[in-house]
Amino acid sequence: LSNRRIWANTAPHFPDGICQDGDGGVWIADPVNHCVARFVEGGEITDK
């Protein structure tokens, strides 16, 4: 692994388990805020 960088700041969300979709999104499960949210690179939330 190389070129470490932040793909998305998720605060105030705490990302636990995650999965990805074919449109470039990453879904995070957040146990603290009781939700699942979809992030795209840069940190935008598109779905919750």
ModelCIF file with pLDDT and N, C-alpha, C, O atoms, coordinates in Angstrom:
data_MODEL
#
_entry.id   MODEL 
#
_entity.id                         1 
_entity.type                       polymer 
_entity.pdbx_number_of_molecules   1 
#
_entity_poly.entity_id                      1 
_entity_poly.type                           'polypeptide(L)' 
_entity_poly.nstd_linkage                   no 
_entity_poly.nstd_monomer                   no 
_entity_poly.pdbx_seq_one_letter_code       LSNRRIWANTAPHFPDGICQDGDGGVWIADPVNHCVARFVEGGEITDK 
_entity_poly.pdbx_seq_one_letter_code_can   LSNRRIWANTAPHFPDGICQDGDGGVWIADPVNHCVARFVEGGEITDK 
_entity_poly.pdbx_strand_id                 A 
#
loop_
_entity_poly_seq.entity_id 
_entity_poly_seq.num 
_entity_poly_seq.mon_id 
_entity_poly_seq.hetero 
1 1  LEU n 
1 2  SER n 
1 3  ASN n 
1 4  ARG n 
1 5  ARG n 
1 6  ILE n 
1 7  TRP n 
1 8  ALA n 
1 9  ASN n 
1 10 THR n 
1 11 ALA n 
1 12 PRO n 
1 13 HIS n 
1 14 PHE n 
1 15 PRO n 
1 16 ASP n 
1 17 GLY n 
1 18 ILE n 
1 19 CYS n 
1 20 GLN n 
1 21 ASP n 
1 22 GLY n 
1 23 ASP n 
1 24 GLY n 
1 25 GLY n 
1 26 VAL n 
1 27 TRP n 
1 28 ILE n 
1 29 ALA n 
1 30 ASP n 
1 31 PRO n 
1 32 VAL n 
1 33 ASN n 
1 34 HIS n 
1 35 CYS n 
1 36 VAL n 
1 37 ALA n 
1 38 ARG n 
1 39 PHE n 
1 40 VAL n 
1 41 GLU n 
1 42 GLY n 
1 43 GLY n 
1 44 GLU n 
1 45 ILE n 
1 46 THR n 
1 47 ASP n 
1 48 LYS n 
#
_struct_asym.id          A 
_struct_asym.entity_id   1 
#
loop_
_ma_qa_metric.id 
_ma_qa_metric.mode 
_ma_qa_metric.name 
_ma_qa_metric.software_group_id 
_ma_qa_metric.type 
1 global pLDDT . pLDDT 
2 local  pLDDT . pLDDT 
#
_ma_qa_metric_global.metric_id      1 
_ma_qa_metric_global.metric_value   97.52 
_ma_qa_metric_global.model_id       1 
_ma_qa_metric_global.ordinal_id     1 
#
loop_
_ma_qa_metric_local.label_asym_id 
_ma_qa_metric_local.label_comp_id 
_ma_qa_metric_local.label_seq_id 
_ma_qa_metric_local.metric_id 
_ma_qa_metric_local.metric_value 
_ma_qa_metric_local.model_id 
_ma_qa_metric_local.ordinal_id 
A LEU 1  2 98.00 1 1  
A SER 2  2 98.00 1 2  
A ASN 3  2 98.00 1 3  
A ARG 4  2 98.00 1 4  
A ARG 5  2 98.00 1 5  
A ILE 6  2 98.00 1 6  
A TRP 7  2 98.00 1 7  
A ALA 8  2 98.00 1 8  
A ASN 9  2 98.00 1 9  
A THR 10 2 98.00 1 10 
A ALA 11 2 97.00 1 11 
A PRO 12 2 97.00 1 12 
A HIS 13 2 98.00 1 13 
A PHE 14 2 97.00 1 14 
A PRO 15 2 98.00 1 15 
A ASP 16 2 97.00 1 16 
A GLY 17 2 98.00 1 17 
A ILE 18 2 98.00 1 18 
A CYS 19 2 98.00 1 19 
A GLN 20 2 97.00 1 20 
A ASP 21 2 97.00 1 21 
A GLY 22 2 95.00 1 22 
A ASP 23 2 95.00 1 23 
A GLY 24 2 94.00 1 24 
A GLY 25 2 97.00 1 25 
A VAL 26 2 98.00 1 26 
A TRP 27 2 98.00 1 27 
A ILE 28 2 98.00 1 28 
A ALA 29 2 98.00 1 29 
A ASP 30 2 98.00 1 30 
A PRO 31 2 97.00 1 31 
A VAL 32 2 97.00 1 32 
A ASN 33 2 97.00 1 33 
A HIS 34 2 98.00 1 34 
A CYS 35 2 98.00 1 35 
A VAL 36 2 98.00 1 36 
A ALA 37 2 98.00 1 37 
A ARG 38 2 98.00 1 38 
A PHE 39 2 98.00 1 39 
A VAL 40 2 98.00 1 40 
A GLU 41 2 97.00 1 41 
A GLY 42 2 97.00 1 42 
A GLY 43 2 97.00 1 43 
A GLU 44 2 98.00 1 44 
A ILE 45 2 98.00 1 45 
A THR 46 2 98.00 1 46 
A ASP 47 2 98.00 1 47 
A LYS 48 2 98.00 1 48 
#
loop_
_atom_site.group_PDB 
_atom_site.id 
_atom_site.type_symbol 
_atom_site.label_atom_id 
_atom_site.label_alt_id 
_atom_site.label_comp_id 
_atom_site.label_asym_id 
_atom_site.label_entity_id 
_atom_site.label_seq_id 
_atom_site.pdbx_PDB_ins_code 
_atom_site.Cartn_x 
_atom_site.Cartn_y 
_atom_site.Cartn_z 
_atom_site.occupancy 
_atom_site.B_iso_or_equiv 
_atom_site.pdbx_formal_charge 
_atom_site.auth_seq_id 
_atom_site.auth_comp_id 
_atom_site.auth_asym_id 
_atom_site.auth_atom_id 
_atom_site.pdbx_PDB_model_num 
ATOM 1   N N  . LEU A 1 1  ? 0.835   -1.203 0.000   1.00 98.00 ? 1  LEU A N  1 
ATOM 2   C CA . LEU A 1 1  ? 0.000   0.000  0.000   1.00 98.00 ? 1  LEU A CA 1 
ATOM 3   C C  . LEU A 1 1  ? 0.870   1.254  0.000   1.00 98.00 ? 1  LEU A C  1 
ATOM 4   O O  . LEU A 1 1  ? 1.927   1.291  0.630   1.00 98.00 ? 1  LEU A O  1 
ATOM 5   N N  . SER A 1 2  ? 0.411   2.280  -0.716  1.00 98.00 ? 2  SER A N  1 
ATOM 6   C CA . SER A 1 2  ? 1.155   3.537  -0.781  1.00 98.00 ? 2  SER A CA 1 
ATOM 7   C C  . SER A 1 2  ? 0.190   4.694  -1.026  1.00 98.00 ? 2  SER A C  1 
ATOM 8   O O  . SER A 1 2  ? -1.010  4.493  -1.216  1.00 98.00 ? 2  SER A O  1 
ATOM 9   N N  . ASN A 1 3  ? 0.738   5.907  -1.016  1.00 98.00 ? 3  ASN A N  1 
ATOM 10  C CA . ASN A 1 3  ? -0.025  7.127  -1.307  1.00 98.00 ? 3  ASN A CA 1 
ATOM 11  C C  . ASN A 1 3  ? -1.262  7.244  -0.417  1.00 98.00 ? 3  ASN A C  1 
ATOM 12  O O  . ASN A 1 3  ? -2.387  7.401  -0.892  1.00 98.00 ? 3  ASN A O  1 
ATOM 13  N N  . ARG A 1 4  ? -1.019  7.162  0.856   1.00 98.00 ? 4  ARG A N  1 
ATOM 14  C CA . ARG A 1 4  ? -2.111  7.282  1.822   1.00 98.00 ? 4  ARG A CA 1 
ATOM 15  C C  . ARG A 1 4  ? -2.724  8.676  1.760   1.00 98.00 ? 4  ARG A C  1 
ATOM 16  O O  . ARG A 1 4  ? -2.004  9.675  1.735   1.00 98.00 ? 4  ARG A O  1 
ATOM 17  N N  . ARG A 1 5  ? -4.053  8.744  1.736   1.00 98.00 ? 5  ARG A N  1 
ATOM 18  C CA . ARG A 1 5  ? -4.744  10.025 1.765   1.00 98.00 ? 5  ARG A CA 1 
ATOM 19  C C  . ARG A 1 5  ? -6.156  9.836  2.287   1.00 98.00 ? 5  ARG A C  1 
ATOM 20  O O  . ARG A 1 5  ? -6.675  8.720  2.320   1.00 98.00 ? 5  ARG A O  1 
ATOM 21  N N  . ILE A 1 6  ? -6.771  10.933 2.694   1.00 98.00 ? 6  ILE A N  1 
ATOM 22  C CA . ILE A 1 6  ? -8.161  10.893 3.165   1.00 98.00 ? 6  ILE A CA 1 
ATOM 23  C C  . ILE A 1 6  ? -9.076  10.884 1.948   1.00 98.00 ? 6  ILE A C  1 
ATOM 24  O O  . ILE A 1 6  ? -9.053  11.802 1.129   1.00 98.00 ? 6  ILE A O  1 
ATOM 25  N N  . TRP A 1 7  ? -9.875  9.840  1.846   1.00 98.00 ? 7  TRP A N  1 
ATOM 26  C CA . TRP A 1 7  ? -10.833 9.722  0.746   1.00 98.00 ? 7  TRP A CA 1 
ATOM 27  C C  . TRP A 1 7  ? -12.093 10.515 1.055   1.00 98.00 ? 7  TRP A C  1 
ATOM 28  O O  . TRP A 1 7  ? -12.686 11.144 0.180   1.00 98.00 ? 7  TRP A O  1 
ATOM 29  N N  . ALA A 1 8  ? -12.490 10.469 2.338   1.00 98.00 ? 8  ALA A N  1 
ATOM 30  C CA . ALA A 1 8  ? -13.650 11.257 2.784   1.00 98.00 ? 8  ALA A CA 1 
ATOM 31  C C  . ALA A 1 8  ? -13.578 11.449 4.280   1.00 98.00 ? 8  ALA A C  1 
ATOM 32  O O  . ALA A 1 8  ? -13.377 10.490 5.024   1.00 98.00 ? 8  ALA A O  1 
ATOM 33  N N  . ASN A 1 9  ? -13.741 12.676 4.725   1.00 98.00 ? 9  ASN A N  1 
ATOM 34  C CA . ASN A 1 9  ? -13.998 12.930 6.141   1.00 98.00 ? 9  ASN A CA 1 
ATOM 35  C C  . ASN A 1 9  ? -15.471 12.608 6.397   1.00 98.00 ? 9  ASN A C  1 
ATOM 36  O O  . ASN A 1 9  ? -16.348 13.112 5.695   1.00 98.00 ? 9  ASN A O  1 
ATOM 37  N N  . THR A 1 10 ? -15.742 11.777 7.391   1.00 98.00 ? 10 THR A N  1 
ATOM 38  C CA . THR A 1 10 ? -17.120 11.357 7.620   1.00 98.00 ? 10 THR A CA 1 
ATOM 39  C C  . THR A 1 10 ? -17.762 12.024 8.836   1.00 98.00 ? 10 THR A C  1 
ATOM 40  O O  . THR A 1 10 ? -18.952 11.825 9.082   1.00 98.00 ? 10 THR A O  1 
ATOM 41  N N  . ALA A 1 11 ? -17.001 12.812 9.603   1.00 97.00 ? 11 ALA A N  1 
ATOM 42  C CA . ALA A 1 11 ? -17.551 13.454 10.809  1.00 97.00 ? 11 ALA A CA 1 
ATOM 43  C C  . ALA A 1 11 ? -18.822 14.238 10.461  1.00 97.00 ? 11 ALA A C  1 
ATOM 44  O O  . ALA A 1 11 ? -18.866 14.935 9.448   1.00 97.00 ? 11 ALA A O  1 
ATOM 45  N N  . PRO A 1 12 ? -19.850 14.121 11.304  1.00 97.00 ? 12 PRO A N  1 
ATOM 46  C CA . PRO A 1 12 ? -19.865 13.523 12.637  1.00 97.00 ? 12 PRO A CA 1 
ATOM 47  C C  . PRO A 1 12 ? -20.136 12.014 12.649  1.00 97.00 ? 12 PRO A C  1 
ATOM 48  O O  . PRO A 1 12 ? -20.396 11.440 13.707  1.00 97.00 ? 12 PRO A O  1 
ATOM 49  N N  . HIS A 1 13 ? -20.076 11.385 11.498  1.00 98.00 ? 13 HIS A N  1 
ATOM 50  C CA . HIS A 1 13 ? -20.367 9.956  11.426  1.00 98.00 ? 13 HIS A CA 1 
ATOM 51  C C  . HIS A 1 13 ? -19.125 9.122  11.750  1.00 98.00 ? 13 HIS A C  1 
ATOM 52  O O  . HIS A 1 13 ? -18.001 9.485  11.404  1.00 98.00 ? 13 HIS A O  1 
ATOM 53  N N  . PHE A 1 14 ? -19.367 7.984  12.430  1.00 97.00 ? 14 PHE A N  1 
ATOM 54  C CA . PHE A 1 14 ? -18.314 7.048  12.796  1.00 97.00 ? 14 PHE A CA 1 
ATOM 55  C C  . PHE A 1 14 ? -18.435 5.821  11.892  1.00 97.00 ? 14 PHE A C  1 
ATOM 56  O O  . PHE A 1 14 ? -19.338 5.010  12.096  1.00 97.00 ? 14 PHE A O  1 
ATOM 57  N N  . PRO A 1 15 ? -17.567 5.661  10.913  1.00 98.00 ? 15 PRO A N  1 
ATOM 58  C CA . PRO A 1 15 ? -17.700 4.529  9.990   1.00 98.00 ? 15 PRO A CA 1 
ATOM 59  C C  . PRO A 1 15 ? -17.249 3.220  10.629  1.00 98.00 ? 15 PRO A C  1 
ATOM 60  O O  . PRO A 1 15 ? -16.121 3.110  11.109  1.00 98.00 ? 15 PRO A O  1 
ATOM 61  N N  . ASP A 1 16 ? -18.122 2.250  10.628  1.00 97.00 ? 16 ASP A N  1 
ATOM 62  C CA . ASP A 1 16 ? -17.808 0.910  11.138  1.00 97.00 ? 16 ASP A CA 1 
ATOM 63  C C  . ASP A 1 16 ? -17.621 0.009  9.918   1.00 97.00 ? 16 ASP A C  1 
ATOM 64  O O  . ASP A 1 16 ? -16.652 0.187  9.179   1.00 97.00 ? 16 ASP A O  1 
ATOM 65  N N  . GLY A 1 17 ? -18.517 -0.952 9.682   1.00 98.00 ? 17 GLY A N  1 
ATOM 66  C CA . GLY A 1 17 ? -18.440 -1.743 8.468   1.00 98.00 ? 17 GLY A CA 1 
ATOM 67  C C  . GLY A 1 17 ? -18.817 -0.915 7.256   1.00 98.00 ? 17 GLY A C  1 
ATOM 68  O O  . GLY A 1 17 ? -19.636 -0.001 7.353   1.00 98.00 ? 17 GLY A O  1 
ATOM 69  N N  . ILE A 1 18 ? -18.216 -1.236 6.100   1.00 98.00 ? 18 ILE A N  1 
ATOM 70  C CA . ILE A 1 18 ? -18.498 -0.477 4.886   1.00 98.00 ? 18 ILE A CA 1 
ATOM 71  C C  . ILE A 1 18 ? -18.653 -1.416 3.696   1.00 98.00 ? 18 ILE A C  1 
ATOM 72  O O  . ILE A 1 18 ? -18.227 -2.570 3.744   1.00 98.00 ? 18 ILE A O  1 
ATOM 73  N N  . CYS A 1 19 ? -19.262 -0.914 2.634   1.00 98.00 ? 19 CYS A N  1 
ATOM 74  C CA . CYS A 1 19 ? -19.316 -1.629 1.363   1.00 98.00 ? 19 CYS A CA 1 
ATOM 75  C C  . CYS A 1 19 ? -19.295 -0.597 0.248   1.00 98.00 ? 19 CYS A C  1 
ATOM 76  O O  . CYS A 1 19 ? -19.457 0.597  0.501   1.00 98.00 ? 19 CYS A O  1 
ATOM 77  N N  . GLN A 1 20 ? -19.099 -1.045 -0.974  1.00 97.00 ? 20 GLN A N  1 
ATOM 78  C CA . GLN A 1 20 ? -19.009 -0.114 -2.103  1.00 97.00 ? 20 GLN A CA 1 
ATOM 79  C C  . GLN A 1 20 ? -20.047 -0.448 -3.155  1.00 97.00 ? 20 GLN A C  1 
ATOM 80  O O  . GLN A 1 20 ? -20.573 -1.559 -3.205  1.00 97.00 ? 20 GLN A O  1 
ATOM 81  N N  . ASP A 1 21 ? -20.333 0.545  -4.000  1.00 97.00 ? 21 ASP A N  1 
ATOM 82  C CA . ASP A 1 21 ? -21.244 0.311  -5.119  1.00 97.00 ? 21 ASP A CA 1 
ATOM 83  C C  . ASP A 1 21 ? -20.554 0.645  -6.437  1.00 97.00 ? 21 ASP A C  1 
ATOM 84  O O  . ASP A 1 21 ? -19.469 1.227  -6.457  1.00 97.00 ? 21 ASP A O  1 
ATOM 85  N N  . GLY A 1 22 ? -21.190 0.273  -7.515  1.00 95.00 ? 22 GLY A N  1 
ATOM 86  C CA . GLY A 1 22 ? -20.596 0.426  -8.825  1.00 95.00 ? 22 GLY A CA 1 
ATOM 87  C C  . GLY A 1 22 ? -20.570 1.841  -9.358  1.00 95.00 ? 22 GLY A C  1 
ATOM 88  O O  . GLY A 1 22 ? -20.018 2.085  -10.431 1.00 95.00 ? 22 GLY A O  1 
ATOM 89  N N  . ASP A 1 23 ? -21.159 2.785  -8.628  1.00 95.00 ? 23 ASP A N  1 
ATOM 90  C CA . ASP A 1 23 ? -21.154 4.177  -9.040  1.00 95.00 ? 23 ASP A CA 1 
ATOM 91  C C  . ASP A 1 23 ? -20.136 5.007  -8.266  1.00 95.00 ? 23 ASP A C  1 
ATOM 92  O O  . ASP A 1 23 ? -20.177 6.237  -8.290  1.00 95.00 ? 23 ASP A O  1 
ATOM 93  N N  . GLY A 1 24 ? -19.227 4.327  -7.585  1.00 94.00 ? 24 GLY A N  1 
ATOM 94  C CA . GLY A 1 24 ? -18.158 5.030  -6.895  1.00 94.00 ? 24 GLY A CA 1 
ATOM 95  C C  . GLY A 1 24 ? -18.464 5.429  -5.478  1.00 94.00 ? 24 GLY A C  1 
ATOM 96  O O  . GLY A 1 24 ? -17.666 6.135  -4.861  1.00 94.00 ? 24 GLY A O  1 
ATOM 97  N N  . GLY A 1 25 ? -19.583 5.008  -4.934  1.00 97.00 ? 25 GLY A N  1 
ATOM 98  C CA . GLY A 1 25 ? -19.938 5.354  -3.570  1.00 97.00 ? 25 GLY A CA 1 
ATOM 99  C C  . GLY A 1 25 ? -19.489 4.311  -2.569  1.00 97.00 ? 25 GLY A C  1 
ATOM 100 O O  . GLY A 1 25 ? -19.362 3.132  -2.901  1.00 97.00 ? 25 GLY A O  1 
ATOM 101 N N  . VAL A 1 26 ? -19.249 4.750  -1.339  1.00 98.00 ? 26 VAL A N  1 
ATOM 102 C CA . VAL A 1 26 ? -18.954 3.861  -0.219  1.00 98.00 ? 26 VAL A CA 1 
ATOM 103 C C  . VAL A 1 26 ? -20.012 4.083  0.844   1.00 98.00 ? 26 VAL A C  1 
ATOM 104 O O  . VAL A 1 26 ? -20.227 5.203  1.306   1.00 98.00 ? 26 VAL A O  1 
ATOM 105 N N  . TRP A 1 27 ? -20.670 2.993  1.225   1.00 98.00 ? 27 TRP A N  1 
ATOM 106 C CA . TRP A 1 27 ? -21.706 3.023  2.260   1.00 98.00 ? 27 TRP A CA 1 
ATOM 107 C C  . TRP A 1 27 ? -21.059 2.693  3.595   1.00 98.00 ? 27 TRP A C  1 
ATOM 108 O O  . TRP A 1 27 ? -20.295 1.733  3.705   1.00 98.00 ? 27 TRP A O  1 
ATOM 109 N N  . ILE A 1 28 ? -21.368 3.491  4.607   1.00 98.00 ? 28 ILE A N  1 
ATOM 110 C CA . ILE A 1 28 ? -20.843 3.234  5.949   1.00 98.00 ? 28 ILE A CA 1 
ATOM 111 C C  . ILE A 1 28 ? -21.995 2.937  6.905   1.00 98.00 ? 28 ILE A C  1 
ATOM 112 O O  . ILE A 1 28 ? -23.057 3.555  6.822   1.00 98.00 ? 28 ILE A O  1 
ATOM 113 N N  . ALA A 1 29 ? -21.778 1.999  7.798   1.00 98.00 ? 29 ALA A N  1 
ATOM 114 C CA . ALA A 1 29 ? -22.692 1.784  8.919   1.00 98.00 ? 29 ALA A CA 1 
ATOM 115 C C  . ALA A 1 29 ? -22.167 2.598  10.097  1.00 98.00 ? 29 ALA A C  1 
ATOM 116 O O  . ALA A 1 29 ? -20.988 2.510  10.441  1.00 98.00 ? 29 ALA A O  1 
ATOM 117 N N  . ASP A 1 30 ? -23.029 3.378  10.704  1.00 98.00 ? 30 ASP A N  1 
ATOM 118 C CA . ASP A 1 30 ? -22.641 4.266  11.803  1.00 98.00 ? 30 ASP A CA 1 
ATOM 119 C C  . ASP A 1 30 ? -23.404 3.862  13.066  1.00 98.00 ? 30 ASP A C  1 
ATOM 120 O O  . ASP A 1 30 ? -24.599 4.135  13.177  1.00 98.00 ? 30 ASP A O  1 
ATOM 121 N N  . PRO A 1 31 ? -22.720 3.207  14.026  1.00 97.00 ? 31 PRO A N  1 
ATOM 122 C CA . PRO A 1 31 ? -23.418 2.774  15.238  1.00 97.00 ? 31 PRO A CA 1 
ATOM 123 C C  . PRO A 1 31 ? -23.760 3.910  16.183  1.00 97.00 ? 31 PRO A C  1 
ATOM 124 O O  . PRO A 1 31 ? -24.680 3.780  16.990  1.00 97.00 ? 31 PRO A O  1 
ATOM 125 N N  . VAL A 1 32 ? -23.047 5.011  16.104  1.00 97.00 ? 32 VAL A N  1 
ATOM 126 C CA . VAL A 1 32 ? -23.266 6.120  17.027  1.00 97.00 ? 32 VAL A CA 1 
ATOM 127 C C  . VAL A 1 32 ? -24.488 6.934  16.634  1.00 97.00 ? 32 VAL A C  1 
ATOM 128 O O  . VAL A 1 32 ? -25.287 7.325  17.485  1.00 97.00 ? 32 VAL A O  1 
ATOM 129 N N  . ASN A 1 33 ? -24.625 7.184  15.342  1.00 97.00 ? 33 ASN A N  1 
ATOM 130 C CA . ASN A 1 33 ? -25.723 8.015  14.852  1.00 97.00 ? 33 ASN A CA 1 
ATOM 131 C C  . ASN A 1 33 ? -26.884 7.213  14.269  1.00 97.00 ? 33 ASN A C  1 
ATOM 132 O O  . ASN A 1 33 ? -27.797 7.787  13.676  1.00 97.00 ? 33 ASN A O  1 
ATOM 133 N N  . HIS A 1 34 ? -26.855 5.895  14.434  1.00 98.00 ? 34 HIS A N  1 
ATOM 134 C CA . HIS A 1 34 ? -27.975 5.018  14.095  1.00 98.00 ? 34 HIS A CA 1 
ATOM 135 C C  . HIS A 1 34 ? -28.425 5.184  12.647  1.00 98.00 ? 34 HIS A C  1 
ATOM 136 O O  . HIS A 1 34 ? -29.590 5.461  12.362  1.00 98.00 ? 34 HIS A O  1 
ATOM 137 N N  . CYS A 1 35 ? -27.462 5.004  11.740  1.00 98.00 ? 35 CYS A N  1 
ATOM 138 C CA . CYS A 1 35 ? -27.808 5.166  10.339  1.00 98.00 ? 35 CYS A CA 1 
ATOM 139 C C  . CYS A 1 35 ? -26.802 4.457  9.453   1.00 98.00 ? 35 CYS A C  1 
ATOM 140 O O  . CYS A 1 35 ? -25.766 3.975  9.912   1.00 98.00 ? 35 CYS A O  1 
ATOM 141 N N  . VAL A 1 36 ? -27.133 4.405  8.176   1.00 98.00 ? 36 VAL A N  1 
ATOM 142 C CA . VAL A 1 36 ? -26.190 4.027  7.124   1.00 98.00 ? 36 VAL A CA 1 
ATOM 143 C C  . VAL A 1 36 ? -26.163 5.200  6.152   1.00 98.00 ? 36 VAL A C  1 
ATOM 144 O O  . VAL A 1 36 ? -27.211 5.728  5.780   1.00 98.00 ? 36 VAL A O  1 
ATOM 145 N N  . ALA A 1 37 ? -24.964 5.606  5.742   1.00 98.00 ? 37 ALA A N  1 
ATOM 146 C CA . ALA A 1 37 ? -24.837 6.747  4.853   1.00 98.00 ? 37 ALA A CA 1 
ATOM 147 C C  . ALA A 1 37 ? -23.922 6.410  3.687   1.00 98.00 ? 37 ALA A C  1 
ATOM 148 O O  . ALA A 1 37 ? -22.963 5.652  3.830   1.00 98.00 ? 37 ALA A O  1 
ATOM 149 N N  . ARG A 1 38 ? -24.232 6.984  2.536   1.00 98.00 ? 38 ARG A N  1 
ATOM 150 C CA . ARG A 1 38 ? -23.410 6.784  1.329   1.00 98.00 ? 38 ARG A CA 1 
ATOM 151 C C  . ARG A 1 38 ? -22.563 8.026  1.077   1.00 98.00 ? 38 ARG A C  1 
ATOM 152 O O  . ARG A 1 38 ? -23.079 9.135  0.937   1.00 98.00 ? 38 ARG A O  1 
ATOM 153 N N  . PHE A 1 39 ? -21.251 7.814  1.021   1.00 98.00 ? 39 PHE A N  1 
ATOM 154 C CA . PHE A 1 39 ? -20.307 8.885  0.755   1.00 98.00 ? 39 PHE A CA 1 
ATOM 155 C C  . PHE A 1 39 ? -19.703 8.715  -0.632  1.00 98.00 ? 39 PHE A C  1 
ATOM 156 O O  . PHE A 1 39 ? -19.545 7.595  -1.118  1.00 98.00 ? 39 PHE A O  1 
ATOM 157 N N  . VAL A 1 40 ? -19.370 9.829  -1.259  1.00 98.00 ? 40 VAL A N  1 
ATOM 158 C CA . VAL A 1 40 ? -18.547 9.816  -2.465  1.00 98.00 ? 40 VAL A CA 1 
ATOM 159 C C  . VAL A 1 40 ? -17.226 10.491 -2.117  1.00 98.00 ? 40 VAL A C  1 
ATOM 160 O O  . VAL A 1 40 ? -17.116 11.181 -1.103  1.00 98.00 ? 40 VAL A O  1 
ATOM 161 N N  . GLU A 1 41 ? -16.228 10.283 -2.970  1.00 97.00 ? 41 GLU A N  1 
ATOM 162 C CA . GLU A 1 41 ? -14.900 10.827 -2.689  1.00 97.00 ? 41 GLU A CA 1 
ATOM 163 C C  . GLU A 1 41 ? -14.982 12.335 -2.491  1.00 97.00 ? 41 GLU A C  1 
ATOM 164 O O  . GLU A 1 41 ? -15.600 13.052 -3.278  1.00 97.00 ? 41 GLU A O  1 
ATOM 165 N N  . GLY A 1 42 ? -14.348 12.792 -1.428  1.00 97.00 ? 42 GLY A N  1 
ATOM 166 C CA . GLY A 1 42 ? -14.410 14.198 -1.061  1.00 97.00 ? 42 GLY A CA 1 
ATOM 167 C C  . GLY A 1 42 ? -15.281 14.454 0.144   1.00 97.00 ? 42 GLY A C  1 
ATOM 168 O O  . GLY A 1 42 ? -15.146 15.489 0.798   1.00 97.00 ? 42 GLY A O  1 
ATOM 169 N N  . GLY A 1 43 ? -16.191 13.511 0.457   1.00 97.00 ? 43 GLY A N  1 
ATOM 170 C CA . GLY A 1 43 ? -16.957 13.604 1.693   1.00 97.00 ? 43 GLY A CA 1 
ATOM 171 C C  . GLY A 1 43 ? -18.425 13.947 1.573   1.00 97.00 ? 43 GLY A C  1 
ATOM 172 O O  . GLY A 1 43 ? -19.107 14.063 2.592   1.00 97.00 ? 43 GLY A O  1 
ATOM 173 N N  . GLU A 1 44 ? -18.940 14.115 0.357   1.00 98.00 ? 44 GLU A N  1 
ATOM 174 C CA . GLU A 1 44 ? -20.372 14.419 0.214   1.00 98.00 ? 44 GLU A CA 1 
ATOM 175 C C  . GLU A 1 44 ? -21.211 13.188 0.556   1.00 98.00 ? 44 GLU A C  1 
ATOM 176 O O  . GLU A 1 44 ? -20.883 12.069 0.160   1.00 98.00 ? 44 GLU A O  1 
ATOM 177 N N  . ILE A 1 45 ? -22.292 13.412 1.292   1.00 98.00 ? 45 ILE A N  1 
ATOM 178 C CA . ILE A 1 45 ? -23.268 12.360 1.583   1.00 98.00 ? 45 ILE A CA 1 
ATOM 179 C C  . ILE A 1 45 ? -24.387 12.465 0.551   1.00 98.00 ? 45 ILE A C  1 
ATOM 180 O O  . ILE A 1 45 ? -25.031 13.506 0.429   1.00 98.00 ? 45 ILE A O  1 
ATOM 181 N N  . THR A 1 46 ? -24.611 11.392 -0.181  1.00 98.00 ? 46 THR A N  1 
ATOM 182 C CA . THR A 1 46 ? -25.668 11.403 -1.203  1.00 98.00 ? 46 THR A CA 1 
ATOM 183 C C  . THR A 1 46 ? -26.941 10.708 -0.737  1.00 98.00 ? 46 THR A C  1 
ATOM 184 O O  . THR A 1 46 ? -28.027 11.009 -1.233  1.00 98.00 ? 46 THR A O  1 
ATOM 185 N N  . ASP A 1 47 ? -26.819 9.792  0.201   1.00 98.00 ? 47 ASP A N  1 
ATOM 186 C CA . ASP A 1 47 ? -27.974 9.015  0.679   1.00 98.00 ? 47 ASP A CA 1 
ATOM 187 C C  . ASP A 1 47 ? -27.772 8.718  2.156   1.00 98.00 ? 47 ASP A C  1 
ATOM 188 O O  . ASP A 1 47 ? -26.645 8.555  2.624   1.00 98.00 ? 47 ASP A O  1 
ATOM 189 N N  . LYS A 1 48 ? -28.888 8.652  2.885   1.00 98.00 ? 48 LYS A N  1 
ATOM 190 C CA . LYS A 1 48 ? -28.821 8.326  4.303   1.00 98.00 ? 48 LYS A CA 1 
ATOM 191 C C  . LYS A 1 48 ? -30.054 7.545  4.700   1.00 98.00 ? 48 LYS A C  1 
ATOM 192 O O  . LYS A 1 48 ? -30.199 7.168  5.863   1.00 98.00 ? 48 LYS A O  1 
#
